[in-house]
Amino acid sequence: MLHHLELWVPDLPRAEKSFGWLLGALGCTPYQHWEHGRSWRLGGFYVVVEQSPALTGGTHERCRPGMNHVAFRVEGRAAVDSLVAEAPAHGWRLLFPDRHPYAGGADHYAAYLENEDGFEVELVAVAAGEAP
């Protein structure tokens, strides 16, 4: 359904470190590279991080009106656990550690991560081939 997702970031090298690692770990490959941005692709969908010269602010705040987080499908609980273990080395921290991995409910195995710029991702464990 989605064609691409574009995130405007305050610091491109920091975003490239955190999102580049995560998207690569999720199976995406580098797609585009230009002065102010990078993208990673998986199939017909791609994610862009861009430090646009047109930015009007310096920080992202996920609790303001707008997009709160992006959720990615991850094949299996072990893969979610592995990503959580590796995430801090790439600029991510675990949100809701006291409720992890069930912060989304008893039947929802997921990790909620936040990068240094306040962007949140949710990594949802799904069985191989499971429908959305």
N, C-alpha and C. Protein backbone atom coordinates (compact mmCIF):
# COMPACT_ATOMS: atom_id res chain seq x y z
N MET A 1 0.81 -1.19 0.00
CA MET A 1 0.00 0.00 0.00
C MET A 1 0.86 1.27 0.00
N LEU A 2 1.91 1.30 0.81
CA LEU A 2 2.77 2.48 0.83
C LEU A 2 3.81 2.41 -0.30
N HIS A 3 4.11 3.57 -0.87
CA HIS A 3 5.15 3.68 -1.89
C HIS A 3 6.49 3.99 -1.24
N HIS A 4 6.50 5.02 -0.37
CA HIS A 4 7.70 5.35 0.40
C HIS A 4 7.32 6.17 1.62
N LEU A 5 8.26 6.23 2.54
CA LEU A 5 8.11 7.01 3.76
C LEU A 5 9.30 7.95 3.83
N GLU A 6 9.06 9.24 3.99
CA GLU A 6 10.14 10.21 4.06
C GLU A 6 10.14 10.87 5.44
N LEU A 7 11.28 10.78 6.11
CA LEU A 7 11.45 11.38 7.43
C LEU A 7 12.46 12.51 7.34
N TRP A 8 12.05 13.69 7.76
CA TRP A 8 12.99 14.80 7.81
C TRP A 8 13.67 14.77 9.17
N VAL A 9 14.97 14.81 9.14
CA VAL A 9 15.78 14.62 10.35
C VAL A 9 16.67 15.83 10.60
N PRO A 10 17.00 16.11 11.87
CA PRO A 10 17.85 17.26 12.18
C PRO A 10 19.33 17.00 11.97
N ASP A 11 19.75 15.74 11.87
CA ASP A 11 21.17 15.41 11.73
C ASP A 11 21.30 14.16 10.85
N LEU A 12 21.69 14.36 9.59
CA LEU A 12 21.74 13.25 8.65
C LEU A 12 22.73 12.16 9.05
N PRO A 13 23.95 12.47 9.47
CA PRO A 13 24.85 11.37 9.87
C PRO A 13 24.30 10.52 11.02
N ARG A 14 23.65 11.16 12.00
CA ARG A 14 23.06 10.41 13.11
C ARG A 14 21.91 9.53 12.61
N ALA A 15 21.07 10.07 11.73
CA ALA A 15 19.95 9.30 11.18
C ALA A 15 20.47 8.16 10.31
N GLU A 16 21.51 8.41 9.56
CA GLU A 16 22.08 7.36 8.72
C GLU A 16 22.63 6.22 9.59
N LYS A 17 23.21 6.57 10.73
CA LYS A 17 23.72 5.54 11.64
C LYS A 17 22.58 4.69 12.20
N SER A 18 21.55 5.34 12.72
CA SER A 18 20.48 4.57 13.37
C SER A 18 19.55 3.91 12.36
N PHE A 19 19.02 4.67 11.43
CA PHE A 19 18.09 4.10 10.46
C PHE A 19 18.79 3.19 9.46
N GLY A 20 19.99 3.56 9.07
CA GLY A 20 20.73 2.71 8.12
C GLY A 20 20.96 1.32 8.69
N TRP A 21 21.38 1.25 9.96
CA TRP A 21 21.57 -0.06 10.59
C TRP A 21 20.25 -0.81 10.67
N LEU A 22 19.21 -0.16 11.19
CA LEU A 22 17.94 -0.84 11.40
C LEU A 22 17.34 -1.33 10.07
N LEU A 23 17.30 -0.45 9.08
CA LEU A 23 16.71 -0.84 7.81
C LEU A 23 17.52 -1.96 7.14
N GLY A 24 18.82 -1.91 7.26
CA GLY A 24 19.66 -2.99 6.74
C GLY A 24 19.37 -4.29 7.46
N ALA A 25 19.21 -4.24 8.77
CA ALA A 25 18.91 -5.43 9.56
C ALA A 25 17.54 -6.00 9.21
N LEU A 26 16.65 -5.16 8.72
CA LEU A 26 15.31 -5.60 8.33
C LEU A 26 15.26 -6.07 6.87
N GLY A 27 16.40 -6.06 6.20
CA GLY A 27 16.46 -6.58 4.83
C GLY A 27 16.46 -5.54 3.73
N CYS A 28 16.45 -4.27 4.09
CA CYS A 28 16.48 -3.21 3.08
C CYS A 28 17.91 -3.03 2.57
N THR A 29 18.03 -2.53 1.35
CA THR A 29 19.34 -2.23 0.78
C THR A 29 19.41 -0.75 0.45
N PRO A 30 20.62 -0.17 0.50
CA PRO A 30 20.75 1.24 0.12
C PRO A 30 20.16 1.46 -1.28
N TYR A 31 19.47 2.57 -1.43
CA TYR A 31 18.76 2.85 -2.68
C TYR A 31 19.23 4.15 -3.31
N GLN A 32 19.11 5.25 -2.58
CA GLN A 32 19.51 6.56 -3.11
C GLN A 32 20.45 7.24 -2.12
N HIS A 33 21.30 8.12 -2.65
CA HIS A 33 22.29 8.83 -1.83
C HIS A 33 22.50 10.21 -2.47
N TRP A 34 22.21 11.26 -1.74
CA TRP A 34 22.44 12.61 -2.23
C TRP A 34 22.90 13.48 -1.08
N GLU A 35 23.24 14.71 -1.36
CA GLU A 35 23.84 15.59 -0.35
C GLU A 35 23.05 15.64 0.94
N HIS A 36 21.75 15.74 0.85
CA HIS A 36 20.93 15.94 2.05
C HIS A 36 20.12 14.72 2.47
N GLY A 37 20.33 13.58 1.81
CA GLY A 37 19.49 12.44 2.16
C GLY A 37 20.03 11.10 1.73
N ARG A 38 19.37 10.08 2.26
CA ARG A 38 19.67 8.69 1.97
C ARG A 38 18.35 7.93 1.92
N SER A 39 18.35 6.81 1.21
CA SER A 39 17.16 5.96 1.25
C SER A 39 17.58 4.49 1.19
N TRP A 40 16.66 3.65 1.68
CA TRP A 40 16.83 2.20 1.70
C TRP A 40 15.55 1.59 1.16
N ARG A 41 15.70 0.51 0.40
CA ARG A 41 14.56 -0.08 -0.31
C ARG A 41 14.39 -1.56 0.03
N LEU A 42 13.13 -1.97 0.07
CA LEU A 42 12.78 -3.38 0.18
C LEU A 42 11.58 -3.59 -0.75
N GLY A 43 11.77 -4.35 -1.81
CA GLY A 43 10.71 -4.53 -2.79
C GLY A 43 10.36 -3.20 -3.43
N GLY A 44 9.08 -2.89 -3.47
CA GLY A 44 8.63 -1.64 -4.07
C GLY A 44 8.50 -0.50 -3.08
N PHE A 45 8.91 -0.69 -1.85
CA PHE A 45 8.78 0.32 -0.80
C PHE A 45 10.16 0.82 -0.39
N TYR A 46 10.29 2.11 -0.13
CA TYR A 46 11.56 2.62 0.37
C TYR A 46 11.34 3.68 1.45
N VAL A 47 12.37 3.82 2.29
CA VAL A 47 12.37 4.79 3.38
C VAL A 47 13.46 5.81 3.11
N VAL A 48 13.12 7.08 3.27
CA VAL A 48 14.05 8.18 3.06
C VAL A 48 14.30 8.88 4.39
N VAL A 49 15.55 9.20 4.67
CA VAL A 49 15.88 10.15 5.74
C VAL A 49 16.56 11.33 5.07
N GLU A 50 16.10 12.51 5.39
CA GLU A 50 16.61 13.70 4.72
C GLU A 50 16.76 14.84 5.71
N GLN A 51 17.91 15.51 5.65
CA GLN A 51 18.14 16.73 6.40
C GLN A 51 17.93 17.87 5.40
N SER A 52 16.68 18.19 5.18
CA SER A 52 16.31 19.14 4.14
C SER A 52 16.72 20.57 4.51
N PRO A 53 17.21 21.33 3.54
CA PRO A 53 17.47 22.75 3.79
C PRO A 53 16.19 23.53 4.13
N ALA A 54 15.03 22.94 3.84
CA ALA A 54 13.75 23.60 4.10
C ALA A 54 13.22 23.34 5.51
N LEU A 55 13.97 22.60 6.35
CA LEU A 55 13.51 22.35 7.73
C LEU A 55 13.19 23.66 8.43
N THR A 56 12.09 23.67 9.18
CA THR A 56 11.72 24.89 9.90
C THR A 56 11.96 24.76 11.40
N GLY A 57 12.36 23.60 11.86
CA GLY A 57 12.65 23.40 13.28
C GLY A 57 13.87 22.51 13.42
N GLY A 58 14.35 22.40 14.65
CA GLY A 58 15.56 21.63 14.86
C GLY A 58 15.38 20.30 15.55
N THR A 59 14.15 20.00 16.00
CA THR A 59 13.94 18.75 16.73
C THR A 59 12.65 18.08 16.29
N HIS A 60 12.62 16.77 16.49
CA HIS A 60 11.42 15.97 16.23
C HIS A 60 10.78 15.69 17.59
N GLU A 61 9.46 15.77 17.65
CA GLU A 61 8.73 15.47 18.88
C GLU A 61 7.56 14.57 18.53
N ARG A 62 7.69 13.28 18.83
CA ARG A 62 6.67 12.31 18.42
C ARG A 62 5.36 12.46 19.18
N CYS A 63 5.35 13.21 20.27
CA CYS A 63 4.11 13.38 21.05
C CYS A 63 3.31 14.59 20.60
N ARG A 64 3.79 15.30 19.59
CA ARG A 64 3.01 16.40 19.01
C ARG A 64 2.13 15.83 17.91
N PRO A 65 1.15 16.60 17.44
CA PRO A 65 0.34 16.12 16.33
C PRO A 65 1.24 15.73 15.15
N GLY A 66 0.88 14.65 14.52
CA GLY A 66 1.69 14.12 13.42
C GLY A 66 1.93 12.64 13.65
N MET A 67 2.89 12.10 12.97
CA MET A 67 3.17 10.68 13.09
C MET A 67 3.90 10.39 14.39
N ASN A 68 3.40 9.41 15.14
CA ASN A 68 4.01 9.03 16.41
C ASN A 68 5.14 8.04 16.22
N HIS A 69 4.91 7.00 15.43
CA HIS A 69 5.96 6.01 15.20
C HIS A 69 5.66 5.20 13.94
N VAL A 70 6.65 4.44 13.52
CA VAL A 70 6.51 3.54 12.38
C VAL A 70 6.71 2.13 12.91
N ALA A 71 5.83 1.20 12.52
CA ALA A 71 5.93 -0.18 12.97
C ALA A 71 6.41 -1.06 11.80
N PHE A 72 7.40 -1.89 12.09
CA PHE A 72 7.95 -2.81 11.10
C PHE A 72 7.67 -4.24 11.53
N ARG A 73 7.37 -5.09 10.56
CA ARG A 73 7.19 -6.52 10.79
C ARG A 73 8.57 -7.16 10.88
N VAL A 74 8.76 -8.02 11.87
CA VAL A 74 10.01 -8.76 12.06
C VAL A 74 9.65 -10.22 12.20
N GLU A 75 10.34 -11.07 11.45
CA GLU A 75 9.99 -12.50 11.46
C GLU A 75 10.50 -13.19 12.72
N GLY A 76 9.61 -13.31 13.69
CA GLY A 76 9.88 -14.08 14.89
C GLY A 76 10.38 -13.29 16.07
N ARG A 77 10.12 -13.87 17.24
CA ARG A 77 10.52 -13.25 18.51
C ARG A 77 12.04 -13.20 18.66
N ALA A 78 12.74 -14.23 18.22
CA ALA A 78 14.19 -14.25 18.36
C ALA A 78 14.82 -13.09 17.57
N ALA A 79 14.26 -12.77 16.41
CA ALA A 79 14.77 -11.66 15.60
C ALA A 79 14.53 -10.33 16.31
N VAL A 80 13.36 -10.17 16.94
CA VAL A 80 13.09 -8.96 17.71
C VAL A 80 14.11 -8.84 18.85
N ASP A 81 14.32 -9.93 19.57
CA ASP A 81 15.26 -9.92 20.70
C ASP A 81 16.67 -9.58 20.24
N SER A 82 17.09 -10.10 19.11
CA SER A 82 18.41 -9.83 18.57
C SER A 82 18.57 -8.35 18.22
N LEU A 83 17.55 -7.79 17.58
CA LEU A 83 17.60 -6.37 17.22
C LEU A 83 17.66 -5.49 18.47
N VAL A 84 16.89 -5.84 19.49
CA VAL A 84 16.91 -5.08 20.75
C VAL A 84 18.30 -5.12 21.37
N ALA A 85 18.95 -6.27 21.33
CA ALA A 85 20.29 -6.40 21.91
C ALA A 85 21.32 -5.56 21.16
N GLU A 86 21.18 -5.46 19.85
CA GLU A 86 22.14 -4.71 19.04
C GLU A 86 21.84 -3.22 18.96
N ALA A 87 20.60 -2.83 19.20
CA ALA A 87 20.14 -1.46 18.96
C ALA A 87 20.95 -0.37 19.66
N PRO A 88 21.33 -0.52 20.93
CA PRO A 88 22.05 0.58 21.59
C PRO A 88 23.36 0.97 20.90
N ALA A 89 24.03 0.04 20.28
CA ALA A 89 25.28 0.34 19.58
C ALA A 89 25.06 1.18 18.32
N HIS A 90 23.79 1.32 17.93
CA HIS A 90 23.46 2.05 16.71
C HIS A 90 22.57 3.26 16.98
N GLY A 91 22.55 3.72 18.23
CA GLY A 91 21.84 4.95 18.56
C GLY A 91 20.39 4.78 18.98
N TRP A 92 19.96 3.57 19.30
CA TRP A 92 18.58 3.32 19.72
C TRP A 92 18.54 2.94 21.19
N ARG A 93 17.45 3.29 21.86
CA ARG A 93 17.23 2.85 23.24
C ARG A 93 15.85 2.22 23.33
N LEU A 94 15.72 1.26 24.22
CA LEU A 94 14.45 0.56 24.42
C LEU A 94 13.50 1.43 25.22
N LEU A 95 12.30 1.62 24.71
CA LEU A 95 11.24 2.31 25.44
C LEU A 95 10.44 1.28 26.24
N PHE A 96 9.86 1.69 27.30
CA PHE A 96 8.99 0.85 28.13
C PHE A 96 9.68 -0.44 28.57
N PRO A 97 10.93 -0.37 29.05
CA PRO A 97 11.66 -1.60 29.40
C PRO A 97 10.98 -2.43 30.47
N ASP A 98 10.21 -1.78 31.34
CA ASP A 98 9.52 -2.52 32.41
C ASP A 98 8.39 -3.39 31.87
N ARG A 99 7.91 -3.11 30.65
CA ARG A 99 6.82 -3.89 30.06
C ARG A 99 7.26 -4.67 28.82
N HIS A 100 8.52 -4.54 28.46
CA HIS A 100 9.04 -5.22 27.27
C HIS A 100 9.07 -6.73 27.48
N PRO A 101 8.71 -7.54 26.54
CA PRO A 101 8.31 -7.27 25.15
C PRO A 101 6.80 -7.21 24.94
N TYR A 102 6.05 -6.98 26.01
CA TYR A 102 4.59 -6.96 25.90
C TYR A 102 4.00 -5.58 26.19
N ALA A 103 4.73 -4.52 25.87
CA ALA A 103 4.23 -3.17 26.12
C ALA A 103 2.97 -2.87 25.31
N GLY A 104 2.78 -3.59 24.21
CA GLY A 104 1.59 -3.40 23.38
C GLY A 104 0.44 -4.32 23.75
N GLY A 105 0.61 -5.12 24.80
CA GLY A 105 -0.44 -6.04 25.23
C GLY A 105 0.08 -7.46 25.33
N ALA A 106 -0.66 -8.29 26.03
CA ALA A 106 -0.24 -9.66 26.32
C ALA A 106 -0.05 -10.52 25.08
N ASP A 107 -0.74 -10.22 24.00
CA ASP A 107 -0.64 -11.01 22.78
C ASP A 107 0.15 -10.32 21.68
N HIS A 108 0.92 -9.31 22.05
CA HIS A 108 1.64 -8.50 21.06
C HIS A 108 3.12 -8.43 21.45
N TYR A 109 3.93 -9.29 20.85
CA TYR A 109 5.37 -9.35 21.15
C TYR A 109 6.07 -8.34 20.26
N ALA A 110 6.60 -7.30 20.86
CA ALA A 110 7.20 -6.21 20.09
C ALA A 110 8.21 -5.46 20.93
N ALA A 111 9.05 -4.72 20.24
CA ALA A 111 9.99 -3.81 20.89
C ALA A 111 9.71 -2.40 20.39
N TYR A 112 9.76 -1.46 21.29
CA TYR A 112 9.60 -0.06 20.96
C TYR A 112 10.95 0.60 21.19
N LEU A 113 11.52 1.16 20.13
CA LEU A 113 12.84 1.78 20.21
C LEU A 113 12.73 3.25 19.84
N GLU A 114 13.61 4.05 20.44
CA GLU A 114 13.69 5.48 20.13
C GLU A 114 15.14 5.81 19.83
N ASN A 115 15.36 6.57 18.74
CA ASN A 115 16.74 6.96 18.43
C ASN A 115 17.08 8.29 19.10
N GLU A 116 18.31 8.72 18.91
CA GLU A 116 18.80 9.93 19.58
C GLU A 116 18.02 11.18 19.22
N ASP A 117 17.33 11.18 18.08
CA ASP A 117 16.57 12.34 17.66
C ASP A 117 15.09 12.23 18.00
N GLY A 118 14.70 11.19 18.75
CA GLY A 118 13.33 11.07 19.21
C GLY A 118 12.39 10.34 18.27
N PHE A 119 12.90 9.74 17.20
CA PHE A 119 12.05 8.96 16.31
C PHE A 119 11.82 7.59 16.94
N GLU A 120 10.58 7.14 16.92
CA GLU A 120 10.22 5.85 17.51
C GLU A 120 9.89 4.85 16.41
N VAL A 121 10.38 3.63 16.59
CA VAL A 121 9.98 2.52 15.74
C VAL A 121 9.47 1.40 16.63
N GLU A 122 8.56 0.63 16.08
CA GLU A 122 8.05 -0.56 16.76
C GLU A 122 8.42 -1.75 15.90
N LEU A 123 9.02 -2.74 16.52
CA LEU A 123 9.42 -3.96 15.83
C LEU A 123 8.48 -5.07 16.29
N VAL A 124 7.58 -5.49 15.42
CA VAL A 124 6.51 -6.43 15.77
C VAL A 124 6.87 -7.83 15.30
N ALA A 125 6.93 -8.78 16.23
CA ALA A 125 7.22 -10.17 15.88
C ALA A 125 6.01 -10.78 15.18
N VAL A 126 6.25 -11.35 14.01
CA VAL A 126 5.20 -12.06 13.27
C VAL A 126 5.76 -13.40 12.83
N ALA A 127 4.88 -14.34 12.62
CA ALA A 127 5.30 -15.64 12.11
C ALA A 127 5.59 -15.50 10.62
N ALA A 128 6.53 -16.27 10.11
CA ALA A 128 6.87 -16.24 8.69
C ALA A 128 5.63 -16.42 7.86
N GLY A 129 5.42 -15.54 6.89
CA GLY A 129 4.28 -15.62 5.99
C GLY A 129 2.97 -15.13 6.58
N GLU A 130 2.98 -14.64 7.81
CA GLU A 130 1.75 -14.16 8.46
C GLU A 130 1.22 -12.92 7.77
N ALA A 131 -0.08 -12.87 7.58
CA ALA A 131 -0.73 -11.69 6.99
C ALA A 131 -0.70 -10.54 7.99
N PRO A 132 -0.78 -9.31 7.48
CA PRO A 132 -0.76 -8.15 8.39
C PRO A 132 -1.89 -8.15 9.38
